[in-house]
Amino acid sequence: AAAVPSALAPARPRVLCLHGFRDSAAVLKAQLAPLLTAFGNSFEFVFVDAPAPASGPMAPGAPEGVPGYEWWGVPGGPFESAWAGGFER
């Protein structure tokens, strides 16, 4: 059987990895490190940050000094309830 030229070889499946409220792609990637290692090169994992900088307290347990981001929410609201405000608009 002839080898498939690399330009025509199927790409690895991509997995979009979205972090939670007031968190970041870097934190999620660190949290998923064991899973990423287990899958090896079988998938391409794509990590992205939400478009808005965190406007209030970060997720509980988030490392200090790492910038956080949010997809939606009540600006400056408490972590426990600010995310729900995005559903009410």
PDB file of N, CA and C in Angstrom:
ATOM      1  N   ALA A   1       0.849  -1.181   0.000  1.00  0.00           N
ATOM      2  CA  ALA A   1       0.000   0.000   0.000  1.00  0.00           C
ATOM      3  C   ALA A   1       0.894   1.244   0.000  1.00  0.00           C
ATOM      4  N   ALA A   2       0.511   2.184  -0.790  1.00  0.00           N
ATOM      5  CA  ALA A   2       1.277   3.434  -0.895  1.00  0.00           C
ATOM      6  C   ALA A   2       1.026   4.301   0.324  1.00  0.00           C
ATOM      7  N   ALA A   3       2.055   4.983   0.758  1.00  0.00           N
ATOM      8  CA  ALA A   3       1.916   5.895   1.894  1.00  0.00           C
ATOM      9  C   ALA A   3       1.128   7.127   1.464  1.00  0.00           C
ATOM     10  N   VAL A   4       0.321   7.636   2.354  1.00  0.00           N
ATOM     11  CA  VAL A   4      -0.458   8.848   2.080  1.00  0.00           C
ATOM     12  C   VAL A   4       0.458  10.045   2.299  1.00  0.00           C
ATOM     13  N   PRO A   5       0.559  10.937   1.317  1.00  0.00           N
ATOM     14  CA  PRO A   5       1.385  12.140   1.520  1.00  0.00           C
ATOM     15  C   PRO A   5       0.913  12.905   2.746  1.00  0.00           C
ATOM     16  N   SER A   6       1.835  13.486   3.489  1.00  0.00           N
ATOM     17  CA  SER A   6       1.471  14.156   4.739  1.00  0.00           C
ATOM     18  C   SER A   6       0.452  15.268   4.537  1.00  0.00           C
ATOM     19  N   ALA A   7       0.480  15.942   3.402  1.00  0.00           N
ATOM     20  CA  ALA A   7      -0.488  17.012   3.147  1.00  0.00           C
ATOM     21  C   ALA A   7      -1.902  16.458   3.019  1.00  0.00           C
ATOM     22  N   LEU A   8      -2.031  15.182   2.651  1.00  0.00           N
ATOM     23  CA  LEU A   8      -3.345  14.582   2.484  1.00  0.00           C
ATOM     24  C   LEU A   8      -3.751  13.703   3.660  1.00  0.00           C
ATOM     25  N   ALA A   9      -2.837  13.485   4.584  1.00  0.00           N
ATOM     26  CA  ALA A   9      -3.141  12.639   5.743  1.00  0.00           C
ATOM     27  C   ALA A   9      -4.193  13.321   6.607  1.00  0.00           C
ATOM     28  N   PRO A  10      -5.097  12.534   7.165  1.00  0.00           N
ATOM     29  CA  PRO A  10      -6.121  13.150   8.025  1.00  0.00           C
ATOM     30  C   PRO A  10      -5.482  13.814   9.241  1.00  0.00           C
ATOM     31  N   ALA A  11      -6.011  14.962   9.594  1.00  0.00           N
ATOM     32  CA  ALA A  11      -5.506  15.683  10.763  1.00  0.00           C
ATOM     33  C   ALA A  11      -5.996  14.987  12.032  1.00  0.00           C
ATOM     34  N   ARG A  12      -5.264  15.197  13.094  1.00  0.00           N
ATOM     35  CA  ARG A  12      -5.724  14.676  14.386  1.00  0.00           C
ATOM     36  C   ARG A  12      -7.027  15.371  14.756  1.00  0.00           C
ATOM     37  N   PRO A  13      -7.934  14.674  15.410  1.00  0.00           N
ATOM     38  CA  PRO A  13      -9.161  15.340  15.879  1.00  0.00           C
ATOM     39  C   PRO A  13      -8.804  16.443  16.869  1.00  0.00           C
ATOM     40  N   ARG A  14      -9.530  17.543  16.793  1.00  0.00           N
ATOM     41  CA  ARG A  14      -9.301  18.664  17.705  1.00  0.00           C
ATOM     42  C   ARG A  14     -10.345  18.630  18.810  1.00  0.00           C
ATOM     43  N   VAL A  15      -9.900  18.967  19.999  1.00  0.00           N
ATOM     44  CA  VAL A  15     -10.785  19.057  21.156  1.00  0.00           C
ATOM     45  C   VAL A  15     -10.678  20.477  21.690  1.00  0.00           C
ATOM     46  N   LEU A  16     -11.796  21.201  21.675  1.00  0.00           N
ATOM     47  CA  LEU A  16     -11.824  22.562  22.193  1.00  0.00           C
ATOM     48  C   LEU A  16     -12.020  22.496  23.705  1.00  0.00           C
ATOM     49  N   CYS A  17     -11.111  23.113  24.447  1.00  0.00           N
ATOM     50  CA  CYS A  17     -11.125  23.077  25.911  1.00  0.00           C
ATOM     51  C   CYS A  17     -11.424  24.481  26.432  1.00  0.00           C
ATOM     52  N   LEU A  18     -12.595  24.662  27.012  1.00  0.00           N
ATOM     53  CA  LEU A  18     -13.024  25.962  27.526  1.00  0.00           C
ATOM     54  C   LEU A  18     -12.997  25.948  29.050  1.00  0.00           C
ATOM     55  N   HIS A  19     -12.318  26.919  29.624  1.00  0.00           N
ATOM     56  CA  HIS A  19     -12.226  27.012  31.081  1.00  0.00           C
ATOM     57  C   HIS A  19     -13.534  27.524  31.670  1.00  0.00           C
ATOM     58  N   GLY A  20     -13.627  27.438  32.974  1.00  0.00           N
ATOM     59  CA  GLY A  20     -14.811  27.903  33.688  1.00  0.00           C
ATOM     60  C   GLY A  20     -14.786  29.395  33.949  1.00  0.00           C
ATOM     61  N   PHE A  21     -15.756  29.847  34.715  1.00  0.00           N
ATOM     62  CA  PHE A  21     -15.954  31.256  35.037  1.00  0.00           C
ATOM     63  C   PHE A  21     -14.778  31.797  35.842  1.00  0.00           C
ATOM     64  N   ARG A  22     -14.252  32.916  35.404  1.00  0.00           N
ATOM     65  CA  ARG A  22     -13.116  33.601  36.044  1.00  0.00           C
ATOM     66  C   ARG A  22     -11.942  32.655  36.278  1.00  0.00           C
ATOM     67  N   ASP A  23     -11.581  31.977  35.243  1.00  0.00           N
ATOM     68  CA  ASP A  23     -10.459  31.056  35.260  1.00  0.00           C
ATOM     69  C   ASP A  23      -9.645  31.343  34.006  1.00  0.00           C
ATOM     70  N   SER A  24      -8.767  30.433  33.585  1.00  0.00           N
ATOM     71  CA  SER A  24      -7.963  30.700  32.394  1.00  0.00           C
ATOM     72  C   SER A  24      -7.598  29.408  31.681  1.00  0.00           C
ATOM     73  N   ALA A  25      -7.195  29.564  30.433  1.00  0.00           N
ATOM     74  CA  ALA A  25      -6.760  28.424  29.630  1.00  0.00           C
ATOM     75  C   ALA A  25      -5.523  27.789  30.258  1.00  0.00           C
ATOM     76  N   ALA A  26      -4.621  28.602  30.796  1.00  0.00           N
ATOM     77  CA  ALA A  26      -3.393  28.074  31.404  1.00  0.00           C
ATOM     78  C   ALA A  26      -3.704  27.193  32.608  1.00  0.00           C
ATOM     79  N   VAL A  27      -4.653  27.621  33.435  1.00  0.00           N
ATOM     80  CA  VAL A  27      -5.024  26.834  34.617  1.00  0.00           C
ATOM     81  C   VAL A  27      -5.685  25.530  34.181  1.00  0.00           C
ATOM     82  N   LEU A  28      -6.598  25.595  33.218  1.00  0.00           N
ATOM     83  CA  LEU A  28      -7.270  24.386  32.750  1.00  0.00           C
ATOM     84  C   LEU A  28      -6.272  23.401  32.151  1.00  0.00           C
ATOM     85  N   LYS A  29      -5.320  23.912  31.392  1.00  0.00           N
ATOM     86  CA  LYS A  29      -4.306  23.041  30.786  1.00  0.00           C
ATOM     87  C   LYS A  29      -3.495  22.333  31.865  1.00  0.00           C
ATOM     88  N   ALA A  30      -3.148  23.045  32.924  1.00  0.00           N
ATOM     89  CA  ALA A  30      -2.404  22.428  34.034  1.00  0.00           C
ATOM     90  C   ALA A  30      -3.268  21.384  34.741  1.00  0.00           C
ATOM     91  N   GLN A  31      -4.553  21.684  34.915  1.00  0.00           N
ATOM     92  CA  GLN A  31      -5.448  20.742  35.581  1.00  0.00           C
ATOM     93  C   GLN A  31      -5.642  19.467  34.758  1.00  0.00           C
ATOM     94  N   LEU A  32      -5.612  19.601  33.449  1.00  0.00           N
ATOM     95  CA  LEU A  32      -5.835  18.453  32.564  1.00  0.00           C
ATOM     96  C   LEU A  32      -4.546  17.751  32.137  1.00  0.00           C
ATOM     97  N   ALA A  33      -3.410  18.175  32.672  1.00  0.00           N
ATOM     98  CA  ALA A  33      -2.118  17.614  32.255  1.00  0.00           C
ATOM     99  C   ALA A  33      -2.083  16.086  32.265  1.00  0.00           C
ATOM    100  N   PRO A  34      -2.583  15.411  33.304  1.00  0.00           N
ATOM    101  CA  PRO A  34      -2.555  13.935  33.266  1.00  0.00           C
ATOM    102  C   PRO A  34      -3.362  13.351  32.101  1.00  0.00           C
ATOM    103  N   LEU A  35      -4.489  13.966  31.797  1.00  0.00           N
ATOM    104  CA  LEU A  35      -5.317  13.504  30.678  1.00  0.00           C
ATOM    105  C   LEU A  35      -4.607  13.740  29.349  1.00  0.00           C
ATOM    106  N   LEU A  36      -3.976  14.896  29.204  1.00  0.00           N
ATOM    107  CA  LEU A  36      -3.252  15.210  27.971  1.00  0.00           C
ATOM    108  C   LEU A  36      -2.116  14.220  27.751  1.00  0.00           C
ATOM    109  N   THR A  37      -1.430  13.871  28.824  1.00  0.00           N
ATOM    110  CA  THR A  37      -0.343  12.899  28.735  1.00  0.00           C
ATOM    111  C   THR A  37      -0.888  11.533  28.334  1.00  0.00           C
ATOM    112  N   ALA A  38      -2.019  11.148  28.907  1.00  0.00           N
ATOM    113  CA  ALA A  38      -2.607   9.835  28.616  1.00  0.00           C
ATOM    114  C   ALA A  38      -3.015   9.711  27.149  1.00  0.00           C
ATOM    115  N   PHE A  39      -3.505  10.791  26.565  1.00  0.00           N
ATOM    116  CA  PHE A  39      -3.922  10.751  25.167  1.00  0.00           C
ATOM    117  C   PHE A  39      -2.756  10.913  24.198  1.00  0.00           C
ATOM    118  N   GLY A  40      -1.631  11.393  24.687  1.00  0.00           N
ATOM    119  CA  GLY A  40      -0.462  11.554  23.821  1.00  0.00           C
ATOM    120  C   GLY A  40      -0.775  12.444  22.634  1.00  0.00           C
ATOM    121  N   ASN A  41      -0.396  12.014  21.448  1.00  0.00           N
ATOM    122  CA  ASN A  41      -0.624  12.802  20.230  1.00  0.00           C
ATOM    123  C   ASN A  41      -1.863  12.369  19.467  1.00  0.00           C
ATOM    124  N   SER A  42      -2.777  11.652  20.124  1.00  0.00           N
ATOM    125  CA  SER A  42      -3.986  11.180  19.447  1.00  0.00           C
ATOM    126  C   SER A  42      -4.936  12.317  19.094  1.00  0.00           C
ATOM    127  N   PHE A  43      -4.896  13.394  19.873  1.00  0.00           N
ATOM    128  CA  PHE A  43      -5.789  14.531  19.673  1.00  0.00           C
ATOM    129  C   PHE A  43      -4.984  15.820  19.730  1.00  0.00           C
ATOM    130  N   GLU A  44      -5.540  16.857  19.144  1.00  0.00           N
ATOM    131  CA  GLU A  44      -4.984  18.200  19.303  1.00  0.00           C
ATOM    132  C   GLU A  44      -5.910  18.944  20.251  1.00  0.00           C
ATOM    133  N   PHE A  45      -5.424  19.267  21.430  1.00  0.00           N
ATOM    134  CA  PHE A  45      -6.221  19.992  22.413  1.00  0.00           C
ATOM    135  C   PHE A  45      -5.980  21.480  22.225  1.00  0.00           C
ATOM    136  N   VAL A  46      -7.059  22.237  22.068  1.00  0.00           N
ATOM    137  CA  VAL A  46      -6.978  23.679  21.833  1.00  0.00           C
ATOM    138  C   VAL A  46      -7.571  24.387  23.053  1.00  0.00           C
ATOM    139  N   PHE A  47      -6.747  25.179  23.729  1.00  0.00           N
ATOM    140  CA  PHE A  47      -7.167  25.912  24.925  1.00  0.00           C
ATOM    141  C   PHE A  47      -7.275  27.389  24.579  1.00  0.00           C
ATOM    142  N   VAL A  48      -8.379  28.008  24.957  1.00  0.00           N
ATOM    143  CA  VAL A  48      -8.563  29.445  24.695  1.00  0.00           C
ATOM    144  C   VAL A  48      -9.059  30.139  25.958  1.00  0.00           C
ATOM    145  N   ASP A  49      -8.712  31.421  26.065  1.00  0.00           N
ATOM    146  CA  ASP A  49      -9.215  32.245  27.162  1.00  0.00           C
ATOM    147  C   ASP A  49     -10.495  32.934  26.723  1.00  0.00           C
ATOM    148  N   ALA A  50     -11.384  33.178  27.676  1.00  0.00           N
ATOM    149  CA  ALA A  50     -12.596  33.944  27.412  1.00  0.00           C
ATOM    150  C   ALA A  50     -12.201  35.357  26.976  1.00  0.00           C
ATOM    151  N   PRO A  51     -13.095  36.069  26.299  1.00  0.00           N
ATOM    152  CA  PRO A  51     -12.725  37.383  25.761  1.00  0.00           C
ATOM    153  C   PRO A  51     -12.614  38.510  26.783  1.00  0.00           C
ATOM    154  N   ALA A  52     -13.255  38.364  27.946  1.00  0.00           N
ATOM    155  CA  ALA A  52     -13.251  39.465  28.911  1.00  0.00           C
ATOM    156  C   ALA A  52     -12.365  39.148  30.109  1.00  0.00           C
ATOM    157  N   PRO A  53     -11.518  40.100  30.513  1.00  0.00           N
ATOM    158  CA  PRO A  53     -10.736  39.883  31.735  1.00  0.00           C
ATOM    159  C   PRO A  53     -11.683  39.713  32.929  1.00  0.00           C
ATOM    160  N   ALA A  54     -11.286  38.915  33.906  1.00  0.00           N
ATOM    161  CA  ALA A  54     -12.109  38.708  35.100  1.00  0.00           C
ATOM    162  C   ALA A  54     -12.377  40.052  35.760  1.00  0.00           C
ATOM    163  N   SER A  55     -13.636  40.298  36.108  1.00  0.00           N
ATOM    164  CA  SER A  55     -14.016  41.574  36.704  1.00  0.00           C
ATOM    165  C   SER A  55     -14.217  41.462  38.210  1.00  0.00           C
ATOM    166  N   GLY A  56     -13.923  40.315  38.753  1.00  0.00           N
ATOM    167  CA  GLY A  56     -14.111  40.116  40.187  1.00  0.00           C
ATOM    168  C   GLY A  56     -13.207  39.004  40.666  1.00  0.00           C
ATOM    169  N   PRO A  57     -13.540  38.447  41.833  1.00  0.00           N
ATOM    170  CA  PRO A  57     -12.690  37.400  42.407  1.00  0.00           C
ATOM    171  C   PRO A  57     -12.553  36.196  41.486  1.00  0.00           C
ATOM    172  N   MET A  58     -11.362  35.610  41.498  1.00  0.00           N
ATOM    173  CA  MET A  58     -11.081  34.431  40.672  1.00  0.00           C
ATOM    174  C   MET A  58     -11.780  33.199  41.228  1.00  0.00           C
ATOM    175  N   ALA A  59     -11.729  32.141  40.432  1.00  0.00           N
ATOM    176  CA  ALA A  59     -12.290  30.858  40.850  1.00  0.00           C
ATOM    177  C   ALA A  59     -11.590  30.388  42.120  1.00  0.00           C
ATOM    178  N   PRO A  60     -12.339  29.769  43.040  1.00  0.00           N
ATOM    179  CA  PRO A  60     -11.695  29.244  44.250  1.00  0.00           C
ATOM    180  C   PRO A  60     -10.572  28.278  43.886  1.00  0.00           C
ATOM    181  N   GLY A  61      -9.436  28.427  44.538  1.00  0.00           N
ATOM    182  CA  GLY A  61      -8.302  27.552  44.287  1.00  0.00           C
ATOM    183  C   GLY A  61      -7.423  27.964  43.120  1.00  0.00           C
ATOM    184  N   ALA A  62      -7.783  29.034  42.415  1.00  0.00           N
ATOM    185  CA  ALA A  62      -6.962  29.492  41.285  1.00  0.00           C
ATOM    186  C   ALA A  62      -5.635  30.010  41.821  1.00  0.00           C
ATOM    187  N   PRO A  63      -4.539  29.716  41.126  1.00  0.00           N
ATOM    188  CA  PRO A  63      -3.241  30.213  41.603  1.00  0.00           C
ATOM    189  C   PRO A  63      -3.172  31.733  41.547  1.00  0.00           C
ATOM    190  N   GLU A  64      -2.490  32.303  42.509  1.00  0.00           N
ATOM    191  CA  GLU A  64      -2.346  33.757  42.543  1.00  0.00           C
ATOM    192  C   GLU A  64      -1.427  34.225  41.428  1.00  0.00           C
ATOM    193  N   GLY A  65      -1.706  35.389  40.887  1.00  0.00           N
ATOM    194  CA  GLY A  65      -0.862  35.973  39.856  1.00  0.00           C
ATOM    195  C   GLY A  65      -1.190  35.528  38.450  1.00  0.00           C
ATOM    196  N   VAL A  66      -2.087  34.574  38.299  1.00  0.00           N
ATOM    197  CA  VAL A  66      -2.484  34.132  36.956  1.00  0.00           C
ATOM    198  C   VAL A  66      -3.727  34.929  36.572  1.00  0.00           C
ATOM    199  N   PRO A  67      -3.692  35.632  35.441  1.00  0.00           N
ATOM    200  CA  PRO A  67      -4.871  36.410  35.064  1.00  0.00           C
ATOM    201  C   PRO A  67      -6.049  35.499  34.746  1.00  0.00           C
ATOM    202  N   GLY A  68      -7.225  35.938  35.129  1.00  0.00           N
ATOM    203  CA  GLY A  68      -8.438  35.170  34.860  1.00  0.00           C
ATOM    204  C   GLY A  68      -9.307  35.867  33.829  1.00  0.00           C
ATOM    205  N   TYR A  69     -10.207  35.094  33.268  1.00  0.00           N
ATOM    206  CA  TYR A  69     -11.090  35.611  32.221  1.00  0.00           C
ATOM    207  C   TYR A  69     -12.494  35.092  32.460  1.00  0.00           C
ATOM    208  N   GLU A  70     -13.478  35.794  31.895  1.00  0.00           N
ATOM    209  CA  GLU A  70     -14.859  35.339  32.026  1.00  0.00           C
ATOM    210  C   GLU A  70     -15.571  35.456  30.688  1.00  0.00           C
ATOM    211  N   TRP A  71     -16.480  34.526  30.474  1.00  0.00           N
ATOM    212  CA  TRP A  71     -17.249  34.491  29.226  1.00  0.00           C
ATOM    213  C   TRP A  71     -18.407  35.472  29.302  1.00  0.00           C
ATOM    214  N   TRP A  72     -19.026  35.589  30.471  1.00  0.00           N
ATOM    215  CA  TRP A  72     -20.152  36.485  30.710  1.00  0.00           C
ATOM    216  C   TRP A  72     -20.271  36.638  32.215  1.00  0.00           C
ATOM    217  N   GLY A  73     -21.230  37.414  32.665  1.00  0.00           N
ATOM    218  CA  GLY A  73     -21.478  37.521  34.098  1.00  0.00           C
ATOM    219  C   GLY A  73     -21.743  38.943  34.531  1.00  0.00           C
ATOM    220  N   VAL A  74     -21.984  39.095  35.822  1.00  0.00           N
ATOM    221  CA  VAL A  74     -22.228  40.394  36.419  1.00  0.00           C
ATOM    222  C   VAL A  74     -20.871  40.982  36.803  1.00  0.00           C
ATOM    223  N   PRO A  75     -20.472  42.096  36.162  1.00  0.00           N
ATOM    224  CA  PRO A  75     -19.153  42.669  36.455  1.00  0.00           C
ATOM    225  C   PRO A  75     -18.961  42.955  37.945  1.00  0.00           C
ATOM    226  N   GLY A  76     -17.858  42.452  38.488  1.00  0.00           N
ATOM    227  CA  GLY A  76     -17.504  42.711  39.872  1.00  0.00           C
ATOM    228  C   GLY A  76     -18.294  41.928  40.899  1.00  0.00           C
ATOM    229  N   GLY A  77     -19.256  41.141  40.480  1.00  0.00           N
ATOM    230  CA  GLY A  77     -20.071  40.384  41.421  1.00  0.00           C
ATOM    231  C   GLY A  77     -19.298  39.266  42.081  1.00  0.00           C
ATOM    232  N   PRO A  78     -19.863  38.713  43.171  1.00  0.00           N
ATOM    233  CA  PRO A  78     -19.176  37.613  43.849  1.00  0.00           C
ATOM    234  C   PRO A  78     -19.094  36.380  42.955  1.00  0.00           C
ATOM    235  N   PHE A  79     -18.024  35.622  43.110  1.00  0.00           N
ATOM    236  CA  PHE A  79     -17.812  34.447  42.258  1.00  0.00           C
ATOM    237  C   PHE A  79     -19.006  33.504  42.300  1.00  0.00           C
ATOM    238  N   GLU A  80     -19.556  33.289  43.476  1.00  0.00           N
ATOM    239  CA  GLU A  80     -20.607  32.291  43.662  1.00  0.00           C
ATOM    240  C   GLU A  80     -21.881  32.581  42.873  1.00  0.00           C
ATOM    241  N   SER A  81     -22.141  33.848  42.546  1.00  0.00           N
ATOM    242  CA  SER A  81     -23.410  34.163  41.871  1.00  0.00           C
ATOM    243  C   SER A  81     -23.267  35.011  40.606  1.00  0.00           C
ATOM    244  N   ALA A  82     -22.116  35.628  40.394  1.00  0.00           N
ATOM    245  CA  ALA A  82     -21.976  36.544  39.251  1.00  0.00           C
ATOM    246  C   ALA A  82     -22.143  35.847  37.905  1.00  0.00           C
ATOM    247  N   TRP A  83     -21.750  34.585  37.815  1.00  0.00           N
ATOM    248  CA  TRP A  83     -21.871  33.845  36.536  1.00  0.00           C
ATOM    249  C   TRP A  83     -23.328  33.701  36.108  1.00  0.00           C
ATOM    250  N   ALA A  84     -24.246  33.590  37.053  1.00  0.00           N
ATOM    251  CA  ALA A  84     -25.655  33.366  36.725  1.00  0.00           C
ATOM    252  C   ALA A  84     -26.270  34.578  36.026  1.00  0.00           C
ATOM    253  N   GLY A  85     -25.714  35.758  36.265  1.00  0.00           N
ATOM    254  CA  GLY A  85     -26.255  36.972  35.661  1.00  0.00           C
ATOM    255  C   GLY A  85     -26.211  36.950  34.151  1.00  0.00           C
ATOM    256  N   GLY A  86     -25.310  36.201  33.590  1.00  0.00           N
ATOM    257  CA  GLY A  86     -25.216  36.104  32.136  1.00  0.00           C
ATOM    258  C   GLY A  86     -26.408  35.422  31.511  1.00  0.00           C
ATOM    259  N   PHE A  87     -27.107  34.612  32.266  1.00  0.00           N
ATOM    260  CA  PHE A  87     -28.280  33.910  31.753  1.00  0.00           C
ATOM    261  C   PHE A  87     -29.529  34.759  31.811  1.00  0.00           C
ATOM    262  N   GLU A  88     -29.489  35.822  32.587  1.00  0.00           N
ATOM    263  CA  GLU A  88     -30.674  36.647  32.789  1.00  0.00           C
ATOM    264  C   GLU A  88     -30.782  37.778  31.779  1.00  0.00           C
ATOM    265  N   ARG A  89     -29.766  37.971  30.965  1.00  0.00           N
ATOM    266  CA  ARG A  89     -29.787  39.087  30.006  1.00  0.00           C
ATOM    267  C   ARG A  89     -30.407  38.664  28.712  1.00  0.00           C
TER     268      ARG A  89
END
